[in-house]
């Protein structure tokens, strides 16, 4: 049953994104920003952790989890290090994902010769 809930929640998030594309004139960058901010806001109200417990990877894979990770890391480190901990926590929780995106983007650009 865990797989079903993960599929439904992850798919529901994707459906919302697709509806934003189809029904509005928002660009992909706008939709991605909306999802990141939504994940951060839900984490601020302590709702995203409950969604992760319920849906597992269905809530962790979409871009909303990036906003959750940003805010979650900042809040944890802010309690320990104060104001400086905000920056420490943001980079500590998300550095692997950011570094992977840069590395794989570079490798794909090298091997597949982009036209843009």
Protein backbone atom coordinates (compact mmCIF):
# COMPACT_ATOMS: atom_id res chain seq x y z
CA UNK A 1 0.00 0.00 0.00
CA UNK A 2 3.00 2.30 0.56
CA UNK A 3 3.75 2.24 -3.17
CA UNK A 4 0.18 3.23 -4.01
CA UNK A 5 0.24 6.23 -1.67
CA UNK A 6 3.66 7.30 -2.94
CA UNK A 7 2.39 7.07 -6.52
CA UNK A 8 -0.81 8.99 -5.77
CA UNK A 9 0.86 11.79 -3.80
CA UNK A 10 3.76 12.18 -6.23
CA UNK A 11 1.37 11.98 -9.16
CA UNK A 12 -0.93 14.51 -7.53
CA UNK A 13 1.93 16.98 -7.18
CA UNK A 14 2.77 16.45 -10.86
CA UNK A 15 -0.88 16.94 -11.86
CA UNK A 16 -0.93 20.27 -10.04
CA UNK A 17 2.19 21.31 -11.94
CA UNK A 18 0.71 20.25 -15.26
CA UNK A 19 -2.51 22.14 -14.52
CA UNK A 20 -0.48 25.25 -13.71
CA UNK A 21 1.18 24.94 -17.12
CA UNK A 22 -2.05 24.28 -19.01
CA UNK A 23 -4.39 26.76 -17.32
CA UNK A 24 -2.02 29.68 -16.78
CA UNK A 25 0.75 31.38 -18.71
CA UNK A 26 3.37 30.52 -16.09
CA UNK A 27 6.80 29.47 -17.28
CA UNK A 28 8.58 26.35 -15.97
CA UNK A 29 10.74 28.60 -13.79
CA UNK A 30 7.64 30.12 -12.19
CA UNK A 31 6.11 26.72 -11.49
CA UNK A 32 9.36 25.38 -10.06
CA UNK A 33 9.64 28.42 -7.79
CA UNK A 34 6.04 27.97 -6.65
CA UNK A 35 6.73 24.34 -5.75
CA UNK A 36 9.94 25.14 -3.86
CA UNK A 37 8.23 27.91 -1.87
CA UNK A 38 5.22 25.66 -1.22
CA UNK A 39 7.51 22.95 0.16
CA UNK A 40 9.22 25.49 2.40
CA UNK A 41 5.92 26.92 3.65
CA UNK A 42 4.53 23.45 4.37
CA UNK A 43 7.71 22.62 6.28
CA UNK A 44 7.40 25.87 8.21
CA UNK A 45 3.98 24.75 9.44
CA UNK A 46 5.40 21.24 10.13
CA UNK A 47 3.11 19.66 7.55
CA UNK A 48 5.68 18.43 5.02
CA UNK A 49 7.27 15.96 7.46
CA UNK A 50 3.85 14.43 8.01
CA UNK A 51 3.37 14.18 4.24
CA UNK A 52 6.76 12.45 3.93
CA UNK A 53 5.82 9.96 6.65
CA UNK A 54 2.57 9.25 4.84
CA UNK A 55 3.75 9.13 1.21
CA UNK A 56 7.47 8.40 1.45
CA UNK A 57 9.21 8.89 -1.90
CA UNK A 58 6.03 10.32 -3.40
CA UNK A 59 6.69 13.43 -1.32
CA UNK A 60 10.51 13.30 -1.37
CA UNK A 61 11.13 13.06 -5.12
CA UNK A 62 9.25 16.13 -6.47
CA UNK A 63 10.85 19.58 -6.33
CA UNK A 64 8.70 20.50 -3.33
CA UNK A 65 11.07 18.46 -1.18
CA UNK A 66 13.90 20.83 -2.13
CA UNK A 67 12.08 23.69 -0.42
CA UNK A 68 11.43 21.40 2.53
CA UNK A 69 15.15 20.56 2.73
CA UNK A 70 16.19 24.21 2.49
CA UNK A 71 13.98 25.35 5.33
CA UNK A 72 14.43 22.22 7.45
CA UNK A 73 18.23 22.51 7.33
CA UNK A 74 18.12 26.23 8.05
CA UNK A 75 15.84 25.80 11.06
CA UNK A 76 17.91 22.98 12.58
CA UNK A 77 21.21 24.84 12.24
CA UNK A 78 19.68 28.17 13.33
CA UNK A 79 18.77 26.63 16.66
CA UNK A 80 22.38 25.48 17.13
CA UNK A 81 24.41 28.35 15.61
CA UNK A 82 22.02 31.31 15.58
CA UNK A 83 21.69 33.60 12.57
CA UNK A 84 24.81 32.19 10.84
CA UNK A 85 23.30 28.71 11.12
CA UNK A 86 20.66 29.61 8.55
CA UNK A 87 23.23 29.71 5.74
CA UNK A 88 25.09 26.71 7.14
CA UNK A 89 21.92 24.62 7.26
CA UNK A 90 20.75 25.54 3.76
CA UNK A 91 24.01 24.50 2.16
CA UNK A 92 24.57 21.46 4.37
CA UNK A 93 21.21 19.90 3.54
CA UNK A 94 21.15 20.66 -0.19
CA UNK A 95 24.77 20.73 -1.31
CA UNK A 96 24.76 17.16 -2.65
CA UNK A 97 21.72 17.83 -4.85
CA UNK A 98 23.07 21.13 -6.14
CA UNK A 99 26.51 19.65 -6.87
CA UNK A 100 24.94 16.67 -8.67
CA UNK A 101 22.80 18.93 -10.86
CA UNK A 102 25.83 21.00 -11.85
CA UNK A 103 28.01 17.95 -12.52
CA UNK A 104 25.43 16.03 -14.57
CA UNK A 105 24.41 19.17 -16.47
CA UNK A 106 28.05 19.74 -17.40
CA UNK A 107 28.57 16.12 -18.46
CA UNK A 108 25.46 16.09 -20.62
CA UNK A 109 26.52 19.37 -22.25
CA UNK A 110 29.96 17.93 -23.01
CA UNK A 111 28.76 14.65 -24.50
CA UNK A 112 25.59 15.73 -26.32
CA UNK A 113 26.52 19.15 -27.76
CA UNK A 114 23.56 21.39 -26.82
CA UNK A 115 22.24 23.77 -29.49
CA UNK A 116 21.30 26.73 -27.32
